[in-house]
Amino acid sequence: MQLSRQSSQHNILILPMQFFVVDQPLMIATLEKAKKIGLTRIELTVRENNTAAINLYTKFDFKKVDTLQSCVLS
C-alpha cells in the first residue's frame, strides 16, 4: 500500500470473531509503517459501544479527543 505524507484516510474493518486474533499485530504493523513514512498523527474512529477496540487503542496510548454525534452506516 502506498501512503503519501499528506492527509489521507484508510478504513480497516475487522469482524468481531477475528478481532482478538489480529488486533495487536495489526496495530503494531500499522504504527510501525506510519512511523517509517513520517506520519505525525493518526486518528481513529470507533463506536462508543466497541469496548474491545477502545481498550486496544488505549493500550497503544491513543486518547479520546472528540465524540461524533452521528454517523452514517450503510
C-alpha atoms as a PDB file:
ATOM      1  CA  MET A   1       0.000   0.000   0.000  1.00  0.00           C
ATOM      2  CA  GLN A   2       1.375   3.396  -0.962  1.00  0.00           C
ATOM      3  CA  LEU A   3       0.734   6.185   1.509  1.00  0.00           C
ATOM      4  CA  SER A   4       1.535   9.825   0.987  1.00  0.00           C
ATOM      5  CA  ARG A   5       2.808  12.223   3.628  1.00  0.00           C
ATOM      6  CA  GLN A   6      -0.311  14.320   3.184  1.00  0.00           C
ATOM      7  CA  SER A   7      -3.608  13.680   4.873  1.00  0.00           C
ATOM      8  CA  SER A   8      -5.366  10.504   3.831  1.00  0.00           C
ATOM      9  CA  GLN A   9      -7.969   8.176   5.237  1.00  0.00           C
ATOM     10  CA  HIS A  10      -7.836   4.397   5.236  1.00  0.00           C
ATOM     11  CA  ASN A  11     -10.512   2.081   6.586  1.00  0.00           C
ATOM     12  CA  ILE A  12      -9.804  -1.290   8.117  1.00  0.00           C
ATOM     13  CA  LEU A  13     -12.776  -3.359   9.206  1.00  0.00           C
ATOM     14  CA  ILE A  14     -12.335  -6.484  11.301  1.00  0.00           C
ATOM     15  CA  LEU A  15     -15.123  -8.940  12.024  1.00  0.00           C
ATOM     16  CA  PRO A  16     -15.763  -9.336  15.773  1.00  0.00           C
ATOM     17  CA  MET A  17     -14.741 -13.008  15.840  1.00  0.00           C
ATOM     18  CA  GLN A  18     -11.387 -12.124  14.221  1.00  0.00           C
ATOM     19  CA  PHE A  19     -10.624  -9.116  16.389  1.00  0.00           C
ATOM     20  CA  PHE A  20      -8.723 -10.854  19.177  1.00  0.00           C
ATOM     21  CA  VAL A  21      -6.546 -12.782  16.722  1.00  0.00           C
ATOM     22  CA  VAL A  22      -5.322  -9.824  14.661  1.00  0.00           C
ATOM     23  CA  ASP A  23      -5.795  -6.793  16.896  1.00  0.00           C
ATOM     24  CA  GLN A  24      -2.341  -6.223  18.377  1.00  0.00           C
ATOM     25  CA  PRO A  25      -0.230  -7.486  15.439  1.00  0.00           C
ATOM     26  CA  LEU A  26      -2.226  -5.322  13.024  1.00  0.00           C
ATOM     27  CA  MET A  27      -1.942  -2.257  15.256  1.00  0.00           C
ATOM     28  CA  ILE A  28       1.807  -2.769  15.717  1.00  0.00           C
ATOM     29  CA  ALA A  29       2.364  -3.147  11.955  1.00  0.00           C
ATOM     30  CA  THR A  30       0.230  -0.086  11.222  1.00  0.00           C
ATOM     31  CA  LEU A  31       2.047   2.105  13.747  1.00  0.00           C
ATOM     32  CA  GLU A  32       5.467   0.918  12.532  1.00  0.00           C
ATOM     33  CA  LYS A  33       4.556   1.736   8.914  1.00  0.00           C
ATOM     34  CA  ALA A  34       3.176   5.137   9.937  1.00  0.00           C
ATOM     35  CA  LYS A  35       6.389   5.979  11.779  1.00  0.00           C
ATOM     36  CA  LYS A  36       8.531   4.745   8.885  1.00  0.00           C
ATOM     37  CA  ILE A  37       6.832   7.056   6.384  1.00  0.00           C
ATOM     38  CA  GLY A  38       6.882  10.003   8.773  1.00  0.00           C
ATOM     39  CA  LEU A  39       3.276  10.322   9.877  1.00  0.00           C
ATOM     40  CA  THR A  40       2.937  12.507  12.946  1.00  0.00           C
ATOM     41  CA  ARG A  41      -0.753  11.997  13.718  1.00  0.00           C
ATOM     42  CA  ILE A  42      -3.172   9.080  13.488  1.00  0.00           C
ATOM     43  CA  GLU A  43      -6.887   9.497  14.116  1.00  0.00           C
ATOM     44  CA  LEU A  44      -9.201   6.598  14.853  1.00  0.00           C
ATOM     45  CA  THR A  45     -12.970   6.493  14.749  1.00  0.00           C
ATOM     46  CA  VAL A  46     -14.750   3.884  16.843  1.00  0.00           C
ATOM     47  CA  ARG A  47     -18.287   3.405  18.100  1.00  0.00           C
ATOM     48  CA  GLU A  48     -18.690   4.169  21.794  1.00  0.00           C
ATOM     49  CA  ASN A  49     -20.024   0.660  22.481  1.00  0.00           C
ATOM     50  CA  ASN A  50     -16.993  -1.038  20.882  1.00  0.00           C
ATOM     51  CA  THR A  51     -15.140  -1.532  24.145  1.00  0.00           C
ATOM     52  CA  ALA A  52     -12.728  -4.122  22.723  1.00  0.00           C
ATOM     53  CA  ALA A  53     -11.406  -1.631  20.164  1.00  0.00           C
ATOM     54  CA  ILE A  54     -11.334   1.224  22.684  1.00  0.00           C
ATOM     55  CA  ASN A  55      -9.338  -0.932  25.103  1.00  0.00           C
ATOM     56  CA  LEU A  56      -6.888  -1.844  22.336  1.00  0.00           C
ATOM     57  CA  TYR A  57      -6.382   1.786  21.325  1.00  0.00           C
ATOM     58  CA  THR A  58      -5.883   2.749  24.970  1.00  0.00           C
ATOM     59  CA  LYS A  59      -3.139   0.103  25.268  1.00  0.00           C
ATOM     60  CA  PHE A  60      -1.345   1.895  22.430  1.00  0.00           C
ATOM     61  CA  ASP A  61      -1.699   5.250  24.203  1.00  0.00           C
ATOM     62  CA  PHE A  62      -4.407   6.736  21.966  1.00  0.00           C
ATOM     63  CA  LYS A  63      -6.504   9.396  23.686  1.00  0.00           C
ATOM     64  CA  LYS A  64     -10.139  10.350  23.213  1.00  0.00           C
ATOM     65  CA  VAL A  65     -10.315  13.814  21.681  1.00  0.00           C
ATOM     66  CA  ASP A  66     -13.884  14.063  20.408  1.00  0.00           C
ATOM     67  CA  THR A  67     -17.221  12.289  20.149  1.00  0.00           C
ATOM     68  CA  LEU A  68     -19.167  12.180  16.908  1.00  0.00           C
ATOM     69  CA  GLN A  69     -22.815  12.965  17.440  1.00  0.00           C
ATOM     70  CA  SER A  70     -23.977  10.929  14.461  1.00  0.00           C
ATOM     71  CA  CYS A  71     -22.586   8.808  11.683  1.00  0.00           C
ATOM     72  CA  VAL A  72     -23.865   7.200   8.528  1.00  0.00           C
ATOM     73  CA  LEU A  73     -23.962   3.430   8.381  1.00  0.00           C
ATOM     74  CA  SER A  74     -24.789   1.541   5.248  1.00  0.00           C
END
